[in-house]
Every structure is written in C-alpha cells, then in structure tokens.
N, C-alpha and C. Protein backbone atom coordinates (compact mmCIF):
# COMPACT_ATOMS: atom_id res chain seq x y z
N MET A 1 -14.00 -4.71 10.19
CA MET A 1 -12.78 -4.73 10.97
C MET A 1 -12.32 -3.32 11.34
N ILE A 2 -12.25 -2.41 10.33
CA ILE A 2 -11.83 -1.04 10.59
C ILE A 2 -12.76 -0.10 9.83
N GLY A 3 -13.38 0.82 10.56
CA GLY A 3 -14.31 1.76 9.95
C GLY A 3 -13.61 2.90 9.23
N HIS A 4 -14.34 3.53 8.32
CA HIS A 4 -13.80 4.58 7.47
C HIS A 4 -13.22 5.75 8.28
N GLU A 5 -13.92 6.20 9.30
CA GLU A 5 -13.43 7.33 10.10
C GLU A 5 -12.13 6.99 10.81
N GLU A 6 -12.03 5.78 11.34
CA GLU A 6 -10.80 5.34 11.99
C GLU A 6 -9.64 5.29 10.97
N ILE A 7 -9.95 4.84 9.77
CA ILE A 7 -8.95 4.81 8.71
C ILE A 7 -8.47 6.23 8.42
N GLN A 8 -9.41 7.15 8.23
CA GLN A 8 -9.05 8.53 7.90
C GLN A 8 -8.22 9.18 9.00
N ASP A 9 -8.57 8.92 10.26
CA ASP A 9 -7.78 9.46 11.38
C ASP A 9 -6.35 8.95 11.33
N ARG A 10 -6.19 7.67 11.05
CA ARG A 10 -4.85 7.09 11.01
C ARG A 10 -4.06 7.60 9.81
N VAL A 11 -4.72 7.79 8.68
CA VAL A 11 -4.05 8.33 7.49
C VAL A 11 -3.50 9.73 7.79
N ARG A 12 -4.28 10.55 8.48
CA ARG A 12 -3.81 11.89 8.85
C ARG A 12 -2.60 11.81 9.78
N THR A 13 -2.62 10.85 10.70
CA THR A 13 -1.48 10.65 11.61
C THR A 13 -0.24 10.25 10.83
N LEU A 14 -0.39 9.33 9.86
CA LEU A 14 0.76 8.92 9.04
C LEU A 14 1.31 10.10 8.24
N ALA A 15 0.41 10.94 7.71
CA ALA A 15 0.85 12.12 6.96
C ALA A 15 1.66 13.05 7.87
N LYS A 16 1.25 13.21 9.12
CA LYS A 16 2.01 14.07 10.05
C LYS A 16 3.39 13.48 10.32
N LEU A 17 3.48 12.17 10.46
CA LEU A 17 4.79 11.53 10.66
C LEU A 17 5.71 11.77 9.47
N ILE A 18 5.16 11.59 8.27
CA ILE A 18 5.95 11.83 7.05
C ILE A 18 6.35 13.29 6.97
N HIS A 19 5.41 14.17 7.25
CA HIS A 19 5.68 15.62 7.22
C HIS A 19 6.82 15.98 8.16
N ASN A 20 6.81 15.43 9.35
CA ASN A 20 7.87 15.71 10.33
C ASN A 20 9.21 15.14 9.90
N ASP A 21 9.20 13.93 9.35
CA ASP A 21 10.45 13.28 8.94
C ASP A 21 11.05 13.89 7.68
N TYR A 22 10.22 14.49 6.83
CA TYR A 22 10.68 15.02 5.55
C TYR A 22 10.50 16.53 5.46
N GLU A 23 10.67 17.20 6.58
CA GLU A 23 10.54 18.65 6.60
C GLU A 23 11.53 19.28 5.61
N GLY A 24 11.01 20.12 4.73
CA GLY A 24 11.84 20.77 3.73
C GLY A 24 12.25 19.88 2.57
N ILE A 25 11.71 18.66 2.52
CA ILE A 25 12.04 17.69 1.46
C ILE A 25 10.76 17.34 0.71
N ARG A 26 10.87 17.26 -0.59
CA ARG A 26 9.74 16.89 -1.45
C ARG A 26 9.94 15.44 -1.87
N PRO A 27 9.37 14.46 -1.12
CA PRO A 27 9.59 13.05 -1.47
C PRO A 27 8.82 12.63 -2.71
N VAL A 28 9.29 11.56 -3.31
CA VAL A 28 8.56 10.93 -4.42
C VAL A 28 7.65 9.88 -3.79
N MET A 29 6.37 10.07 -3.92
CA MET A 29 5.37 9.15 -3.37
C MET A 29 4.96 8.19 -4.48
N ILE A 30 5.28 6.90 -4.31
CA ILE A 30 4.97 5.90 -5.33
C ILE A 30 3.81 5.04 -4.85
N CYS A 31 2.74 5.03 -5.60
CA CYS A 31 1.56 4.22 -5.29
C CYS A 31 1.72 2.84 -5.91
N THR A 32 1.52 1.81 -5.11
CA THR A 32 1.50 0.45 -5.62
C THR A 32 0.05 0.10 -5.98
N LEU A 33 -0.21 0.06 -7.28
CA LEU A 33 -1.55 -0.19 -7.79
C LEU A 33 -1.91 -1.67 -7.70
N LYS A 34 -3.13 -2.01 -7.59
CA LYS A 34 -4.31 -1.18 -7.56
C LYS A 34 -4.76 -0.90 -6.12
N GLY A 35 -4.44 -1.80 -5.24
CA GLY A 35 -5.01 -1.76 -3.89
C GLY A 35 -4.72 -0.53 -3.08
N ALA A 36 -3.60 0.12 -3.27
CA ALA A 36 -3.23 1.26 -2.44
C ALA A 36 -3.89 2.57 -2.88
N CYS A 37 -4.63 2.56 -3.98
CA CYS A 37 -5.17 3.81 -4.54
C CYS A 37 -5.93 4.68 -3.53
N PRO A 38 -6.95 4.17 -2.83
CA PRO A 38 -7.66 5.03 -1.88
C PRO A 38 -6.75 5.56 -0.77
N PHE A 39 -5.93 4.69 -0.21
CA PHE A 39 -5.00 5.09 0.85
C PHE A 39 -4.05 6.16 0.33
N TYR A 40 -3.49 5.94 -0.84
CA TYR A 40 -2.55 6.87 -1.46
C TYR A 40 -3.19 8.24 -1.64
N GLN A 41 -4.38 8.26 -2.21
CA GLN A 41 -5.05 9.55 -2.46
C GLN A 41 -5.34 10.28 -1.16
N HIS A 42 -5.81 9.57 -0.15
CA HIS A 42 -6.12 10.22 1.12
C HIS A 42 -4.84 10.66 1.84
N LEU A 43 -3.76 9.90 1.69
CA LEU A 43 -2.48 10.29 2.26
C LEU A 43 -1.97 11.57 1.59
N LEU A 44 -2.08 11.65 0.27
CA LEU A 44 -1.66 12.86 -0.45
C LEU A 44 -2.52 14.05 -0.04
N ASP A 45 -3.82 13.82 0.12
CA ASP A 45 -4.72 14.90 0.58
C ASP A 45 -4.28 15.42 1.95
N ALA A 46 -3.94 14.49 2.85
CA ALA A 46 -3.51 14.88 4.19
C ALA A 46 -2.17 15.63 4.14
N LEU A 47 -1.27 15.23 3.26
CA LEU A 47 -0.01 15.96 3.08
C LEU A 47 -0.28 17.37 2.53
N GLN A 48 -1.24 17.48 1.62
CA GLN A 48 -1.61 18.80 1.09
C GLN A 48 -2.15 19.68 2.21
N ASP A 49 -2.97 19.11 3.09
CA ASP A 49 -3.50 19.87 4.23
C ASP A 49 -2.37 20.40 5.11
N LEU A 50 -1.26 19.68 5.15
CA LEU A 50 -0.09 20.10 5.93
C LEU A 50 0.85 21.00 5.13
N LYS A 51 0.45 21.32 3.88
CA LYS A 51 1.26 22.15 2.98
C LYS A 51 2.60 21.50 2.68
N HIS A 52 2.58 20.17 2.54
CA HIS A 52 3.80 19.42 2.25
C HIS A 52 3.79 18.97 0.80
N GLY A 53 4.80 19.37 0.05
CA GLY A 53 4.90 19.01 -1.36
C GLY A 53 5.43 17.60 -1.56
N TYR A 54 5.17 17.05 -2.72
CA TYR A 54 5.59 15.69 -3.08
C TYR A 54 5.52 15.54 -4.59
N SER A 55 6.15 14.51 -5.10
CA SER A 55 6.01 14.10 -6.50
C SER A 55 5.23 12.80 -6.52
N VAL A 56 4.57 12.54 -7.64
CA VAL A 56 3.65 11.40 -7.76
C VAL A 56 4.17 10.41 -8.80
N GLU A 57 4.21 9.13 -8.44
CA GLU A 57 4.55 8.05 -9.37
C GLU A 57 3.68 6.84 -9.05
N PHE A 58 3.62 5.90 -10.01
CA PHE A 58 2.79 4.70 -9.85
C PHE A 58 3.52 3.46 -10.34
N LEU A 59 3.29 2.34 -9.65
CA LEU A 59 3.73 1.02 -10.08
C LEU A 59 2.54 0.08 -9.89
N ARG A 60 2.50 -0.96 -10.70
CA ARG A 60 1.44 -1.95 -10.52
C ARG A 60 2.10 -3.29 -10.22
N ALA A 61 1.70 -3.87 -9.10
CA ALA A 61 2.27 -5.15 -8.68
C ALA A 61 1.15 -6.05 -8.18
N SER A 62 1.33 -7.35 -8.40
CA SER A 62 0.32 -8.32 -7.98
C SER A 62 0.99 -9.61 -7.57
N SER A 63 0.47 -10.22 -6.50
CA SER A 63 1.00 -11.52 -6.07
C SER A 63 -0.09 -12.43 -5.55
N TYR A 64 -1.36 -12.07 -5.77
CA TYR A 64 -2.46 -12.88 -5.25
C TYR A 64 -3.29 -13.50 -6.37
N ALA A 65 -3.82 -14.68 -6.08
CA ALA A 65 -4.84 -15.34 -6.90
C ALA A 65 -5.90 -15.80 -5.91
N GLY A 66 -7.08 -15.23 -6.00
CA GLY A 66 -8.11 -15.55 -5.00
C GLY A 66 -7.69 -15.02 -3.65
N ILE A 67 -7.73 -15.89 -2.62
CA ILE A 67 -7.36 -15.45 -1.27
C ILE A 67 -5.97 -15.91 -0.87
N SER A 68 -5.20 -16.41 -1.82
CA SER A 68 -3.86 -16.93 -1.51
C SER A 68 -2.80 -16.18 -2.30
N THR A 69 -1.66 -15.97 -1.65
CA THR A 69 -0.53 -15.38 -2.35
C THR A 69 0.11 -16.45 -3.22
N THR A 70 0.52 -16.04 -4.39
CA THR A 70 1.16 -16.99 -5.31
C THR A 70 2.64 -17.13 -5.00
N GLY A 71 3.17 -16.16 -4.24
CA GLY A 71 4.61 -16.15 -3.98
C GLY A 71 5.40 -15.57 -5.13
N ASN A 72 4.72 -15.27 -6.23
CA ASN A 72 5.35 -14.72 -7.43
C ASN A 72 4.83 -13.29 -7.63
N VAL A 73 5.69 -12.31 -7.50
CA VAL A 73 5.30 -10.91 -7.64
C VAL A 73 5.46 -10.50 -9.10
N GLN A 74 4.37 -10.02 -9.67
CA GLN A 74 4.40 -9.53 -11.04
C GLN A 74 4.32 -8.01 -11.01
N VAL A 75 5.27 -7.34 -11.65
CA VAL A 75 5.27 -5.89 -11.77
C VAL A 75 4.95 -5.58 -13.22
N VAL A 76 3.90 -4.79 -13.43
CA VAL A 76 3.47 -4.45 -14.78
C VAL A 76 3.25 -2.94 -14.88
N GLY A 77 3.14 -2.45 -16.08
CA GLY A 77 2.84 -1.05 -16.28
C GLY A 77 4.09 -0.23 -16.56
N ALA A 78 3.94 1.06 -16.39
CA ALA A 78 5.00 2.01 -16.74
C ALA A 78 6.23 1.81 -15.86
N GLU A 79 7.36 1.95 -16.49
CA GLU A 79 8.64 1.90 -15.77
C GLU A 79 8.93 3.30 -15.21
N LEU A 80 9.54 3.33 -14.06
CA LEU A 80 9.96 4.60 -13.49
C LEU A 80 11.24 5.05 -14.19
N ALA A 81 11.33 6.33 -14.45
CA ALA A 81 12.53 6.88 -15.08
C ALA A 81 13.56 7.20 -14.00
N LYS A 82 14.81 6.96 -14.30
CA LYS A 82 15.88 7.23 -13.35
C LYS A 82 15.85 8.70 -12.92
N ASP A 83 15.55 9.60 -13.85
CA ASP A 83 15.50 11.03 -13.53
C ASP A 83 14.44 11.35 -12.48
N ASP A 84 13.40 10.52 -12.39
CA ASP A 84 12.32 10.76 -11.42
C ASP A 84 12.71 10.33 -10.00
N ILE A 85 13.69 9.45 -9.89
CA ILE A 85 14.03 8.83 -8.61
C ILE A 85 15.43 9.18 -8.11
N GLU A 86 16.39 9.32 -9.02
CA GLU A 86 17.78 9.49 -8.64
C GLU A 86 17.97 10.68 -7.68
N ASN A 87 18.69 10.40 -6.59
CA ASN A 87 18.99 11.40 -5.55
C ASN A 87 17.75 12.00 -4.89
N ARG A 88 16.66 11.27 -4.92
CA ARG A 88 15.41 11.72 -4.28
C ARG A 88 15.06 10.75 -3.16
N HIS A 89 14.32 11.25 -2.19
CA HIS A 89 13.78 10.39 -1.14
C HIS A 89 12.47 9.80 -1.65
N VAL A 90 12.35 8.49 -1.56
CA VAL A 90 11.20 7.77 -2.10
C VAL A 90 10.41 7.13 -0.97
N ILE A 91 9.09 7.25 -1.05
CA ILE A 91 8.20 6.55 -0.13
C ILE A 91 7.28 5.68 -0.97
N LEU A 92 7.43 4.37 -0.80
CA LEU A 92 6.59 3.39 -1.50
C LEU A 92 5.33 3.18 -0.68
N VAL A 93 4.17 3.52 -1.26
CA VAL A 93 2.90 3.45 -0.53
C VAL A 93 2.18 2.16 -0.92
N GLU A 94 1.94 1.32 0.08
CA GLU A 94 1.32 0.01 -0.08
C GLU A 94 0.00 -0.04 0.67
N ASP A 95 -0.90 -0.89 0.20
CA ASP A 95 -2.14 -1.12 0.93
C ASP A 95 -1.89 -2.03 2.14
N ILE A 96 -1.13 -3.13 1.91
CA ILE A 96 -0.92 -4.11 2.97
C ILE A 96 0.44 -4.78 2.81
N VAL A 97 1.09 -5.01 3.92
CA VAL A 97 2.30 -5.82 3.95
C VAL A 97 1.94 -7.06 4.76
N ASP A 98 1.91 -8.20 4.08
CA ASP A 98 1.67 -9.45 4.81
C ASP A 98 2.95 -10.27 4.80
N THR A 99 3.25 -10.96 3.74
CA THR A 99 4.52 -11.68 3.68
C THR A 99 5.67 -10.74 3.40
N GLY A 100 5.36 -9.58 2.82
CA GLY A 100 6.39 -8.60 2.45
C GLY A 100 7.03 -8.90 1.11
N ALA A 101 6.52 -9.90 0.40
CA ALA A 101 7.12 -10.31 -0.88
C ALA A 101 7.05 -9.19 -1.91
N THR A 102 5.95 -8.47 -1.97
CA THR A 102 5.82 -7.42 -2.98
C THR A 102 6.85 -6.32 -2.75
N VAL A 103 6.91 -5.79 -1.54
CA VAL A 103 7.87 -4.71 -1.30
C VAL A 103 9.31 -5.22 -1.37
N ALA A 104 9.55 -6.45 -0.94
CA ALA A 104 10.90 -7.01 -1.05
C ALA A 104 11.33 -7.13 -2.51
N ASN A 105 10.36 -7.31 -3.41
CA ASN A 105 10.64 -7.37 -4.84
C ASN A 105 10.83 -5.97 -5.43
N LEU A 106 10.06 -5.00 -4.95
CA LEU A 106 10.10 -3.66 -5.51
C LEU A 106 11.29 -2.83 -5.03
N ILE A 107 11.69 -2.99 -3.78
CA ILE A 107 12.77 -2.18 -3.22
C ILE A 107 14.06 -2.27 -4.05
N PRO A 108 14.54 -3.48 -4.40
CA PRO A 108 15.77 -3.53 -5.22
C PRO A 108 15.61 -2.85 -6.59
N LYS A 109 14.42 -2.96 -7.18
CA LYS A 109 14.17 -2.29 -8.46
C LYS A 109 14.27 -0.78 -8.30
N LEU A 110 13.75 -0.27 -7.19
CA LEU A 110 13.84 1.17 -6.93
C LEU A 110 15.28 1.58 -6.63
N GLN A 111 15.99 0.77 -5.88
CA GLN A 111 17.37 1.11 -5.52
C GLN A 111 18.30 1.15 -6.73
N GLU A 112 17.95 0.42 -7.78
CA GLU A 112 18.73 0.48 -9.02
C GLU A 112 18.71 1.88 -9.63
N LEU A 113 17.71 2.68 -9.25
CA LEU A 113 17.56 4.04 -9.79
C LEU A 113 18.26 5.08 -8.92
N ASN A 114 19.04 4.62 -7.94
CA ASN A 114 19.88 5.47 -7.08
C ASN A 114 19.14 6.56 -6.30
N PRO A 115 18.09 6.19 -5.56
CA PRO A 115 17.45 7.20 -4.72
C PRO A 115 18.32 7.51 -3.50
N LYS A 116 18.05 8.62 -2.82
CA LYS A 116 18.74 8.91 -1.56
C LYS A 116 18.28 7.93 -0.49
N SER A 117 16.99 7.63 -0.50
CA SER A 117 16.43 6.68 0.47
C SER A 117 15.15 6.10 -0.09
N VAL A 118 14.77 4.94 0.44
CA VAL A 118 13.49 4.31 0.11
C VAL A 118 12.88 3.84 1.42
N GLN A 119 11.67 4.29 1.68
CA GLN A 119 10.92 3.86 2.86
C GLN A 119 9.57 3.32 2.41
N ILE A 120 8.96 2.52 3.26
CA ILE A 120 7.65 1.93 2.98
C ILE A 120 6.62 2.54 3.91
N CYS A 121 5.50 2.93 3.33
CA CYS A 121 4.34 3.39 4.09
C CYS A 121 3.18 2.48 3.72
N THR A 122 2.65 1.76 4.69
CA THR A 122 1.55 0.85 4.42
C THR A 122 0.38 1.15 5.36
N LEU A 123 -0.81 0.95 4.85
CA LEU A 123 -1.98 1.12 5.70
C LEU A 123 -2.08 -0.03 6.69
N LEU A 124 -1.77 -1.25 6.23
CA LEU A 124 -1.97 -2.44 7.05
C LEU A 124 -0.74 -3.33 7.08
N GLU A 125 -0.47 -3.91 8.24
CA GLU A 125 0.54 -4.95 8.37
C GLU A 125 -0.13 -6.14 9.04
N LYS A 126 0.00 -7.30 8.40
CA LYS A 126 -0.58 -8.51 8.99
C LYS A 126 0.34 -9.08 10.06
N ARG A 127 -0.28 -9.53 11.13
CA ARG A 127 0.47 -10.26 12.15
C ARG A 127 0.52 -11.72 11.69
N LEU A 128 1.71 -12.17 11.38
CA LEU A 128 1.89 -13.53 10.85
C LEU A 128 2.00 -14.53 11.99
N GLN A 129 2.01 -15.80 11.62
CA GLN A 129 2.17 -16.86 12.61
C GLN A 129 3.47 -16.69 13.36
N GLU A 130 3.49 -17.19 14.58
CA GLU A 130 4.68 -17.12 15.43
C GLU A 130 5.91 -17.62 14.69
N GLY A 131 6.97 -16.85 14.76
CA GLY A 131 8.22 -17.26 14.12
C GLY A 131 8.38 -16.80 12.69
N LYS A 132 7.29 -16.37 12.04
CA LYS A 132 7.38 -15.88 10.66
C LYS A 132 7.53 -14.37 10.67
N ARG A 133 8.41 -13.89 9.84
CA ARG A 133 8.64 -12.45 9.71
C ARG A 133 8.44 -12.05 8.25
N PRO A 134 7.88 -10.86 8.03
CA PRO A 134 7.75 -10.42 6.64
C PRO A 134 9.12 -10.17 6.03
N ALA A 135 9.19 -10.28 4.71
CA ALA A 135 10.45 -10.08 3.98
C ALA A 135 10.90 -8.62 4.02
N ALA A 136 9.99 -7.70 4.32
CA ALA A 136 10.32 -6.28 4.40
C ALA A 136 9.47 -5.64 5.49
N LYS A 137 9.98 -4.60 6.11
CA LYS A 137 9.30 -3.90 7.21
C LYS A 137 9.01 -2.47 6.80
N ALA A 138 7.81 -2.02 7.13
CA ALA A 138 7.40 -0.65 6.82
C ALA A 138 7.85 0.31 7.92
N LYS A 139 8.31 1.48 7.52
CA LYS A 139 8.63 2.53 8.48
C LYS A 139 7.35 3.17 9.01
N TYR A 140 6.37 3.34 8.11
CA TYR A 140 5.09 3.95 8.46
C TYR A 140 4.00 2.91 8.29
N SER A 141 3.30 2.60 9.36
CA SER A 141 2.26 1.57 9.31
C SER A 141 1.01 2.06 10.03
N GLY A 142 -0.12 1.91 9.35
CA GLY A 142 -1.39 2.37 9.91
C GLY A 142 -1.95 1.46 10.98
N PHE A 143 -2.13 0.20 10.63
CA PHE A 143 -2.77 -0.75 11.55
C PHE A 143 -2.07 -2.11 11.47
N SER A 144 -1.99 -2.76 12.60
CA SER A 144 -1.56 -4.16 12.66
C SER A 144 -2.83 -4.99 12.76
N ILE A 145 -2.98 -5.95 11.84
CA ILE A 145 -4.22 -6.73 11.79
C ILE A 145 -3.92 -8.22 11.91
N PRO A 146 -4.93 -9.01 12.33
CA PRO A 146 -4.72 -10.46 12.37
C PRO A 146 -4.58 -11.03 10.97
N ASN A 147 -4.08 -12.24 10.90
CA ASN A 147 -3.83 -12.91 9.62
C ASN A 147 -5.14 -13.43 9.03
N LYS A 148 -5.94 -12.51 8.54
CA LYS A 148 -7.23 -12.79 7.88
C LYS A 148 -7.21 -12.16 6.50
N PHE A 149 -8.01 -12.71 5.58
CA PHE A 149 -8.12 -12.10 4.26
C PHE A 149 -9.14 -10.98 4.35
N ILE A 150 -8.70 -9.77 3.98
CA ILE A 150 -9.56 -8.60 4.12
C ILE A 150 -9.85 -7.97 2.78
N ILE A 151 -10.94 -7.20 2.78
CA ILE A 151 -11.40 -6.51 1.57
C ILE A 151 -11.83 -5.10 1.94
N GLY A 152 -11.99 -4.27 0.93
CA GLY A 152 -12.48 -2.91 1.12
C GLY A 152 -11.36 -1.90 1.13
N TYR A 153 -11.72 -0.65 0.93
CA TYR A 153 -10.77 0.47 0.91
C TYR A 153 -9.59 0.17 -0.02
N GLY A 154 -9.93 -0.35 -1.20
CA GLY A 154 -8.93 -0.65 -2.23
C GLY A 154 -8.53 -2.11 -2.30
N LEU A 155 -8.69 -2.85 -1.22
CA LEU A 155 -8.32 -4.26 -1.20
C LEU A 155 -9.45 -5.09 -1.80
N ASP A 156 -9.05 -6.11 -2.58
CA ASP A 156 -10.07 -6.84 -3.32
C ASP A 156 -9.98 -8.35 -3.11
N TYR A 157 -11.03 -9.00 -3.56
CA TYR A 157 -11.04 -10.43 -3.79
C TYR A 157 -11.47 -10.59 -5.24
N ASN A 158 -10.55 -11.03 -6.10
CA ASN A 158 -10.83 -11.20 -7.54
C ASN A 158 -11.49 -9.95 -8.14
N GLU A 159 -10.94 -8.79 -7.82
CA GLU A 159 -11.36 -7.49 -8.33
C GLU A 159 -12.71 -7.02 -7.78
N LEU A 160 -13.26 -7.68 -6.80
CA LEU A 160 -14.49 -7.23 -6.15
C LEU A 160 -14.15 -6.58 -4.81
N TYR A 161 -15.03 -5.70 -4.35
CA TYR A 161 -15.03 -5.11 -3.01
C TYR A 161 -14.04 -3.98 -2.79
N ARG A 162 -13.28 -3.57 -3.81
CA ARG A 162 -12.36 -2.44 -3.65
C ARG A 162 -13.12 -1.16 -3.27
N ASP A 163 -14.38 -1.08 -3.68
CA ASP A 163 -15.17 0.13 -3.52
C ASP A 163 -15.80 0.30 -2.14
N LEU A 164 -15.59 -0.63 -1.23
CA LEU A 164 -16.13 -0.48 0.12
C LEU A 164 -15.30 0.57 0.87
N LYS A 165 -15.97 1.41 1.66
CA LYS A 165 -15.26 2.47 2.39
C LYS A 165 -14.56 1.96 3.64
N ASP A 166 -15.05 0.88 4.19
CA ASP A 166 -14.49 0.29 5.40
C ASP A 166 -13.66 -0.93 5.02
N ILE A 167 -12.93 -1.47 5.98
CA ILE A 167 -12.16 -2.70 5.77
C ILE A 167 -12.88 -3.83 6.49
N TRP A 168 -13.09 -4.93 5.76
CA TRP A 168 -13.85 -6.07 6.24
C TRP A 168 -13.04 -7.36 6.12
N VAL A 169 -13.36 -8.33 6.95
CA VAL A 169 -12.86 -9.69 6.76
C VAL A 169 -13.84 -10.36 5.82
N ILE A 170 -13.37 -10.95 4.75
CA ILE A 170 -14.26 -11.59 3.78
C ILE A 170 -14.85 -12.87 4.38
N THR A 171 -16.11 -13.10 4.06
CA THR A 171 -16.79 -14.32 4.49
C THR A 171 -16.88 -15.28 3.32
N GLN A 172 -17.30 -16.48 3.59
CA GLN A 172 -17.49 -17.45 2.51
C GLN A 172 -18.55 -16.96 1.52
N LYS A 173 -19.56 -16.27 2.02
CA LYS A 173 -20.59 -15.72 1.14
C LYS A 173 -19.98 -14.71 0.16
N GLY A 174 -19.05 -13.90 0.63
CA GLY A 174 -18.36 -12.94 -0.24
C GLY A 174 -17.48 -13.63 -1.26
N ILE A 175 -16.85 -14.73 -0.85
CA ILE A 175 -16.01 -15.51 -1.77
C ILE A 175 -16.87 -16.18 -2.84
N ASP A 176 -18.02 -16.69 -2.43
CA ASP A 176 -18.91 -17.42 -3.35
C ASP A 176 -19.70 -16.52 -4.29
N PHE A 177 -19.74 -15.22 -4.02
CA PHE A 177 -20.54 -14.30 -4.82
C PHE A 177 -20.16 -14.39 -6.30
N ASP A 178 -21.15 -14.46 -7.16
CA ASP A 178 -20.93 -14.55 -8.59
C ASP A 178 -20.98 -13.15 -9.18
N ALA A 179 -19.83 -12.60 -9.52
CA ALA A 179 -19.74 -11.23 -10.04
C ALA A 179 -20.45 -11.08 -11.38
N LYS A 180 -20.68 -12.17 -12.08
CA LYS A 180 -21.36 -12.09 -13.38
C LYS A 180 -22.77 -11.56 -13.24
N THR A 181 -23.34 -11.65 -12.04
CA THR A 181 -24.70 -11.14 -11.82
C THR A 181 -24.73 -9.61 -11.82
N LEU A 182 -23.57 -8.98 -11.78
CA LEU A 182 -23.50 -7.51 -11.76
C LEU A 182 -23.52 -6.91 -13.16
N PHE A 183 -23.30 -7.70 -14.17
CA PHE A 183 -23.17 -7.16 -15.52
C PHE A 183 -24.45 -7.20 -16.29
C-alpha cells in the first residue's frame, strides 16, 4: 500500500510541520506502544535533523484482537509522572487512528496531568464508512488510507509483520499463517 521511501518522505514533512508549530518549544513526544515505534523513532530522527529538541515518554495501549477492534482500550505499562507533563506541550504519537477510541481514551488521562496542550500525530488515518467519524482527530496526519486491515512498519496482526519496512494490506494467507513454524 505505501512504500518505505514514501513513508520516510512523509515523516520528514510531519517533522517540519511540528518544528514550525513548536519553534522555541521543547514538546513532550509520547509514543503509543507498540505499533508507533518505527514511526516515532523516525519522527524523532527527523526532528533531530531539524535541530529541534524534545522530551521522550512512552505509553502502551491496545484495542485489537486479530483484525477487529474490541472497542475496549487497555492502557498498560509505566504511568506518566505529572512533573513530566504539567505545563508542557504534549504530542501523542500514534501509528493509526481508525475509530479514534485509543486516542479518545488517552487524551483525558493526559489532560489530568495539566499539560499546556495535547495534540495527536499519527502516521495513518483510516477513511471510515460514510457518516462515521473517529472519536478523535489528529492535528498531524501522514496518510489517509481506505478502511482495510494493514500491517508493517510497526503495525501487526497478532504480533506478526511489525518488522516489514513497507505498509501492506493483509491477505487471508497472512491471516492464516501459523507463527509457530517460526520457532
């Protein structure tokens, strides 16, 4: 669906937008694990190339089982400290916003820590069915994609395919693959 070079070009463009919007400001960049890891790292690299400083934080959230969203967002892992967020500009970095349930769940948790602002930066936004709107909207978005289940560049199907450099639409063969053959 999207090749690695096209992804990298868009990541650099997003970094320039952030750099322009946060001139003279050191935002807190929060990675939503696990899927956003490659995007997050490349975005930070692009900000470094622009000589733009930032702080680093991580959250782990999950709402998928197989190829379907459960509608239930689970946040696990380390809690953010109020001192890390209070009176700071925060950018929540996501791999994909489809229904927006994950970011809609995380934003209030972040706002409890009294940041100056919270914005969303996502690599992908799914185009939903007519009349449906995501629960949250990203300020910075890399690509608008059709409503297909995708893998690669950090996105997975049952923990497989995160290691692909490109973004692909999963096929039935990919869904049927028995990961036990890899061990």
